[in-house]
Amino acid sequence: MRGPAHVVVRVERSGGFAGVSRDWTADSADLTADQAARLRALVEAAIDAVGDAVADAAEAVGEAADAVGDAVRDGFDYQISAQVGGRRHRWQGPAADVPAVRQLAEHVREVAFGA
């Protein structure tokens, strides 16, 4: 019987008021069992949520553009890649757009800082 899949997640954040780029990585092999299990669960939740969110994306983009006008000048943009076993997943954009992706990004940042 196989154990849990090896997971590596890299979060790259750019933008913000100062335009500073940062990146954090979480590797399930380097985490406690609880942290690794949470990382796996958050990746799976993000995969599921993005699948649901894609269906509403075109409509939401149009509504957001009308509501906001110009881009948020001090907002952050994220590039997140997750390797789960042999599968690779990528997300790009404001993490706040999909709460499950935001939670994944926050968890990776927390474990990278040893919280």
N, C-alpha and C. Protein backbone atom coordinates (compact mmCIF):
# COMPACT_ATOMS: atom_id res chain seq x y z
N MET A 1 0.83 -1.18 0.00
CA MET A 1 0.00 0.00 0.00
C MET A 1 0.88 1.25 0.00
N ARG A 2 0.54 2.19 -0.83
CA ARG A 2 1.29 3.44 -0.94
C ARG A 2 0.91 4.42 0.15
N GLY A 3 1.88 5.25 0.51
CA GLY A 3 1.63 6.33 1.45
C GLY A 3 1.05 7.53 0.72
N PRO A 4 0.89 8.62 1.45
CA PRO A 4 0.36 9.85 0.84
C PRO A 4 1.30 10.36 -0.26
N ALA A 5 0.71 11.00 -1.25
CA ALA A 5 1.49 11.54 -2.37
C ALA A 5 2.43 12.64 -1.89
N HIS A 6 3.60 12.69 -2.51
CA HIS A 6 4.56 13.77 -2.25
C HIS A 6 4.01 15.04 -2.90
N VAL A 7 4.02 16.15 -2.16
CA VAL A 7 3.47 17.42 -2.63
C VAL A 7 4.51 18.51 -2.46
N VAL A 8 4.71 19.30 -3.51
CA VAL A 8 5.56 20.48 -3.44
C VAL A 8 4.74 21.64 -4.02
N VAL A 9 4.63 22.71 -3.24
CA VAL A 9 3.89 23.89 -3.69
C VAL A 9 4.81 25.10 -3.63
N ARG A 10 4.83 25.86 -4.71
CA ARG A 10 5.62 27.10 -4.76
C ARG A 10 4.66 28.25 -5.01
N VAL A 11 4.78 29.27 -4.18
CA VAL A 11 3.95 30.47 -4.30
C VAL A 11 4.87 31.64 -4.63
N GLU A 12 4.57 32.33 -5.72
CA GLU A 12 5.29 33.55 -6.08
C GLU A 12 4.29 34.69 -6.01
N ARG A 13 4.63 35.72 -5.23
CA ARG A 13 3.75 36.88 -5.08
C ARG A 13 4.47 38.12 -5.60
N SER A 14 3.79 38.87 -6.45
CA SER A 14 4.37 40.11 -6.97
C SER A 14 3.33 41.22 -6.87
N GLY A 15 3.81 42.43 -7.04
CA GLY A 15 2.91 43.57 -7.00
C GLY A 15 2.91 44.23 -5.65
N GLY A 16 1.76 44.71 -5.25
CA GLY A 16 1.67 45.45 -4.01
C GLY A 16 2.14 46.88 -4.20
N PHE A 17 2.03 47.66 -3.19
CA PHE A 17 2.38 49.08 -3.26
C PHE A 17 3.83 49.27 -3.67
N ALA A 18 4.73 48.47 -3.10
CA ALA A 18 6.16 48.62 -3.38
C ALA A 18 6.62 47.83 -4.59
N GLY A 19 5.76 46.96 -5.12
CA GLY A 19 6.13 46.16 -6.28
C GLY A 19 7.18 45.11 -6.00
N VAL A 20 7.27 44.65 -4.76
CA VAL A 20 8.27 43.67 -4.36
C VAL A 20 7.77 42.25 -4.65
N SER A 21 8.64 41.41 -5.20
CA SER A 21 8.31 40.01 -5.45
C SER A 21 8.87 39.14 -4.33
N ARG A 22 8.09 38.15 -3.93
CA ARG A 22 8.49 37.19 -2.89
C ARG A 22 8.09 35.80 -3.36
N ASP A 23 8.76 34.79 -2.85
CA ASP A 23 8.32 33.43 -3.13
C ASP A 23 8.57 32.54 -1.92
N TRP A 24 7.71 31.54 -1.80
CA TRP A 24 7.77 30.58 -0.70
C TRP A 24 7.51 29.19 -1.28
N THR A 25 8.13 28.19 -0.67
CA THR A 25 7.94 26.81 -1.10
C THR A 25 7.63 25.94 0.11
N ALA A 26 6.71 25.02 -0.07
CA ALA A 26 6.41 24.02 0.95
C ALA A 26 6.54 22.64 0.31
N ASP A 27 7.31 21.77 0.94
CA ASP A 27 7.53 20.41 0.46
C ASP A 27 7.04 19.46 1.55
N SER A 28 6.11 18.60 1.21
CA SER A 28 5.52 17.71 2.22
C SER A 28 6.59 16.85 2.89
N ALA A 29 7.69 16.57 2.21
CA ALA A 29 8.75 15.76 2.80
C ALA A 29 9.46 16.48 3.94
N ASP A 30 9.37 17.81 3.97
CA ASP A 30 10.06 18.61 4.99
C ASP A 30 9.13 19.07 6.12
N LEU A 31 7.86 18.68 6.05
CA LEU A 31 6.86 19.16 7.02
C LEU A 31 6.50 18.09 8.03
N THR A 32 5.88 18.52 9.12
CA THR A 32 5.33 17.55 10.06
C THR A 32 4.19 16.81 9.36
N ALA A 33 3.79 15.68 9.91
CA ALA A 33 2.70 14.91 9.31
C ALA A 33 1.42 15.74 9.21
N ASP A 34 1.13 16.51 10.26
CA ASP A 34 -0.08 17.35 10.24
C ASP A 34 0.01 18.45 9.19
N GLN A 35 1.16 19.11 9.10
CA GLN A 35 1.34 20.16 8.10
C GLN A 35 1.24 19.60 6.68
N ALA A 36 1.85 18.43 6.46
CA ALA A 36 1.81 17.80 5.14
C ALA A 36 0.39 17.39 4.77
N ALA A 37 -0.35 16.85 5.72
CA ALA A 37 -1.75 16.47 5.46
C ALA A 37 -2.58 17.70 5.12
N ARG A 38 -2.35 18.79 5.85
CA ARG A 38 -3.09 20.04 5.57
C ARG A 38 -2.70 20.57 4.19
N LEU A 39 -1.42 20.51 3.84
CA LEU A 39 -0.98 20.97 2.53
C LEU A 39 -1.69 20.17 1.43
N ARG A 40 -1.73 18.85 1.56
CA ARG A 40 -2.40 18.00 0.57
C ARG A 40 -3.88 18.36 0.47
N ALA A 41 -4.54 18.54 1.61
CA ALA A 41 -5.97 18.86 1.62
C ALA A 41 -6.23 20.22 0.96
N LEU A 42 -5.37 21.20 1.23
CA LEU A 42 -5.55 22.53 0.63
C LEU A 42 -5.32 22.51 -0.88
N VAL A 43 -4.35 21.71 -1.33
CA VAL A 43 -4.12 21.59 -2.77
C VAL A 43 -5.35 20.97 -3.44
N GLU A 44 -5.87 19.90 -2.88
CA GLU A 44 -7.06 19.26 -3.45
C GLU A 44 -8.26 20.19 -3.44
N ALA A 45 -8.43 20.97 -2.35
CA ALA A 45 -9.53 21.93 -2.28
C ALA A 45 -9.37 23.01 -3.34
N ALA A 46 -8.13 23.47 -3.57
CA ALA A 46 -7.88 24.49 -4.58
C ALA A 46 -8.18 23.95 -5.98
N ILE A 47 -7.79 22.71 -6.24
CA ILE A 47 -8.07 22.08 -7.54
C ILE A 47 -9.58 22.03 -7.77
N ASP A 48 -10.31 21.58 -6.77
CA ASP A 48 -11.77 21.50 -6.89
C ASP A 48 -12.39 22.88 -7.06
N ALA A 49 -11.95 23.85 -6.28
CA ALA A 49 -12.53 25.19 -6.30
C ALA A 49 -12.26 25.89 -7.63
N VAL A 50 -11.06 25.71 -8.16
CA VAL A 50 -10.73 26.37 -9.43
C VAL A 50 -11.58 25.77 -10.54
N GLY A 51 -11.81 24.49 -10.50
CA GLY A 51 -12.70 23.88 -11.49
C GLY A 51 -14.08 24.49 -11.44
N ASP A 52 -14.60 24.74 -10.25
CA ASP A 52 -15.91 25.37 -10.10
C ASP A 52 -15.85 26.83 -10.53
N ALA A 53 -14.75 27.51 -10.18
CA ALA A 53 -14.64 28.94 -10.44
C ALA A 53 -14.49 29.25 -11.93
N VAL A 54 -13.86 28.35 -12.69
CA VAL A 54 -13.64 28.60 -14.11
C VAL A 54 -14.96 28.79 -14.84
N ALA A 55 -15.99 28.08 -14.44
CA ALA A 55 -17.28 28.20 -15.09
C ALA A 55 -17.87 29.60 -14.95
N ASP A 56 -17.56 30.26 -13.82
CA ASP A 56 -18.10 31.60 -13.58
C ASP A 56 -17.13 32.72 -13.96
N ALA A 57 -15.94 32.38 -14.42
CA ALA A 57 -14.88 33.37 -14.60
C ALA A 57 -15.22 34.45 -15.62
N ALA A 58 -15.72 34.07 -16.77
CA ALA A 58 -15.97 35.08 -17.81
C ALA A 58 -16.98 36.12 -17.34
N GLU A 59 -18.03 35.67 -16.71
CA GLU A 59 -19.04 36.60 -16.20
C GLU A 59 -18.46 37.47 -15.09
N ALA A 60 -17.70 36.86 -14.20
CA ALA A 60 -17.12 37.60 -13.07
C ALA A 60 -16.11 38.64 -13.55
N VAL A 61 -15.33 38.33 -14.57
CA VAL A 61 -14.35 39.28 -15.08
C VAL A 61 -15.04 40.52 -15.61
N GLY A 62 -16.09 40.35 -16.35
CA GLY A 62 -16.83 41.49 -16.87
C GLY A 62 -17.42 42.34 -15.77
N GLU A 63 -18.02 41.70 -14.77
CA GLU A 63 -18.60 42.44 -13.65
C GLU A 63 -17.53 43.15 -12.84
N ALA A 64 -16.40 42.50 -12.61
CA ALA A 64 -15.33 43.11 -11.83
C ALA A 64 -14.75 44.31 -12.55
N ALA A 65 -14.58 44.20 -13.86
CA ALA A 65 -14.03 45.32 -14.62
C ALA A 65 -14.96 46.53 -14.53
N ASP A 66 -16.26 46.28 -14.61
CA ASP A 66 -17.21 47.38 -14.49
C ASP A 66 -17.19 48.00 -13.10
N ALA A 67 -17.07 47.16 -12.08
CA ALA A 67 -17.13 47.63 -10.69
C ALA A 67 -15.84 48.35 -10.27
N VAL A 68 -14.70 47.88 -10.75
CA VAL A 68 -13.43 48.40 -10.27
C VAL A 68 -12.87 49.49 -11.19
N GLY A 69 -13.09 49.36 -12.47
CA GLY A 69 -12.50 50.32 -13.40
C GLY A 69 -11.06 49.92 -13.69
N ASP A 70 -10.13 50.67 -13.16
CA ASP A 70 -8.70 50.36 -13.34
C ASP A 70 -8.29 49.24 -12.40
N ALA A 71 -7.13 48.64 -12.68
CA ALA A 71 -6.59 47.59 -11.82
C ALA A 71 -6.28 48.16 -10.44
N VAL A 72 -6.34 47.30 -9.44
CA VAL A 72 -5.98 47.70 -8.09
C VAL A 72 -4.49 47.98 -8.07
N ARG A 73 -4.11 49.19 -7.72
CA ARG A 73 -2.72 49.60 -7.83
C ARG A 73 -1.80 48.89 -6.83
N ASP A 74 -2.30 48.58 -5.65
CA ASP A 74 -1.43 47.93 -4.67
C ASP A 74 -1.87 46.49 -4.39
N GLY A 75 -2.56 45.86 -5.33
CA GLY A 75 -2.97 44.47 -5.17
C GLY A 75 -1.83 43.52 -5.49
N PHE A 76 -1.92 42.32 -4.98
CA PHE A 76 -0.90 41.30 -5.24
C PHE A 76 -1.37 40.34 -6.32
N ASP A 77 -0.44 39.89 -7.12
CA ASP A 77 -0.69 38.86 -8.12
C ASP A 77 0.10 37.62 -7.70
N TYR A 78 -0.49 36.46 -7.85
CA TYR A 78 0.13 35.22 -7.42
C TYR A 78 0.31 34.27 -8.59
N GLN A 79 1.42 33.55 -8.57
CA GLN A 79 1.63 32.39 -9.42
C GLN A 79 1.90 31.23 -8.47
N ILE A 80 1.06 30.23 -8.55
CA ILE A 80 1.17 29.09 -7.63
C ILE A 80 1.28 27.82 -8.46
N SER A 81 2.29 27.02 -8.16
CA SER A 81 2.42 25.73 -8.82
C SER A 81 2.43 24.65 -7.76
N ALA A 82 1.74 23.56 -8.05
CA ALA A 82 1.68 22.43 -7.12
C ALA A 82 2.00 21.15 -7.87
N GLN A 83 2.93 20.41 -7.33
CA GLN A 83 3.27 19.09 -7.86
C GLN A 83 2.72 18.08 -6.86
N VAL A 84 1.78 17.27 -7.30
CA VAL A 84 1.16 16.25 -6.44
C VAL A 84 1.43 14.90 -7.09
N GLY A 85 2.38 14.16 -6.49
CA GLY A 85 2.79 12.93 -7.14
C GLY A 85 3.30 13.26 -8.53
N GLY A 86 2.71 12.70 -9.56
CA GLY A 86 3.11 12.99 -10.93
C GLY A 86 2.28 14.06 -11.62
N ARG A 87 1.32 14.64 -10.90
CA ARG A 87 0.45 15.67 -11.52
C ARG A 87 0.94 17.07 -11.17
N ARG A 88 0.79 17.98 -12.12
CA ARG A 88 1.21 19.37 -11.90
C ARG A 88 0.00 20.28 -12.13
N HIS A 89 -0.15 21.27 -11.25
CA HIS A 89 -1.24 22.22 -11.33
C HIS A 89 -0.67 23.62 -11.20
N ARG A 90 -1.30 24.59 -11.89
CA ARG A 90 -0.84 25.99 -11.81
C ARG A 90 -2.04 26.91 -11.71
N TRP A 91 -1.87 27.97 -10.92
CA TRP A 91 -2.86 29.02 -10.80
C TRP A 91 -2.14 30.35 -10.92
N GLN A 92 -2.80 31.32 -11.52
CA GLN A 92 -2.21 32.65 -11.62
C GLN A 92 -3.31 33.68 -11.47
N GLY A 93 -3.00 34.76 -10.77
CA GLY A 93 -3.94 35.86 -10.59
C GLY A 93 -4.03 36.25 -9.13
N PRO A 94 -4.95 37.12 -8.80
CA PRO A 94 -5.14 37.49 -7.40
C PRO A 94 -5.67 36.29 -6.62
N ALA A 95 -4.99 35.90 -5.56
CA ALA A 95 -5.39 34.72 -4.79
C ALA A 95 -6.75 34.90 -4.15
N ALA A 96 -7.13 36.14 -3.88
CA ALA A 96 -8.41 36.40 -3.24
C ALA A 96 -9.59 36.01 -4.13
N ASP A 97 -9.35 35.84 -5.43
CA ASP A 97 -10.43 35.47 -6.34
C ASP A 97 -11.05 34.12 -5.99
N VAL A 98 -10.25 33.20 -5.48
CA VAL A 98 -10.74 31.87 -5.11
C VAL A 98 -10.27 31.60 -3.68
N PRO A 99 -11.20 31.61 -2.71
CA PRO A 99 -10.79 31.46 -1.31
C PRO A 99 -9.92 30.23 -1.03
N ALA A 100 -10.17 29.11 -1.69
CA ALA A 100 -9.35 27.91 -1.44
C ALA A 100 -7.91 28.11 -1.90
N VAL A 101 -7.71 28.87 -2.97
CA VAL A 101 -6.36 29.16 -3.45
C VAL A 101 -5.68 30.12 -2.48
N ARG A 102 -6.43 31.10 -1.97
CA ARG A 102 -5.88 32.03 -0.99
C ARG A 102 -5.43 31.28 0.27
N GLN A 103 -6.24 30.32 0.73
CA GLN A 103 -5.87 29.53 1.92
C GLN A 103 -4.61 28.71 1.66
N LEU A 104 -4.48 28.16 0.46
CA LEU A 104 -3.29 27.40 0.11
C LEU A 104 -2.06 28.31 0.14
N ALA A 105 -2.16 29.49 -0.48
CA ALA A 105 -1.04 30.43 -0.50
C ALA A 105 -0.64 30.84 0.91
N GLU A 106 -1.62 31.10 1.77
CA GLU A 106 -1.33 31.49 3.15
C GLU A 106 -0.66 30.37 3.92
N HIS A 107 -1.11 29.12 3.71
CA HIS A 107 -0.51 27.98 4.41
C HIS A 107 0.96 27.81 3.98
N VAL A 108 1.23 27.92 2.69
CA VAL A 108 2.60 27.76 2.20
C VAL A 108 3.48 28.84 2.83
N ARG A 109 2.99 30.06 2.86
CA ARG A 109 3.77 31.15 3.47
C ARG A 109 4.03 30.87 4.95
N GLU A 110 3.02 30.40 5.67
CA GLU A 110 3.17 30.11 7.09
C GLU A 110 4.20 29.02 7.36
N VAL A 111 4.12 27.91 6.61
CA VAL A 111 5.08 26.82 6.87
C VAL A 111 6.48 27.21 6.41
N ALA A 112 6.58 28.06 5.39
CA ALA A 112 7.90 28.52 4.94
C ALA A 112 8.58 29.36 6.02
N PHE A 113 7.78 30.08 6.81
CA PHE A 113 8.32 30.90 7.90
C PHE A 113 8.42 30.11 9.20
N GLY A 114 8.01 28.84 9.17
CA GLY A 114 8.12 28.01 10.37
C GLY A 114 7.05 28.29 11.41
N ALA A 115 5.91 28.85 10.98
CA ALA A 115 4.83 29.16 11.92
C ALA A 115 4.10 27.92 12.36
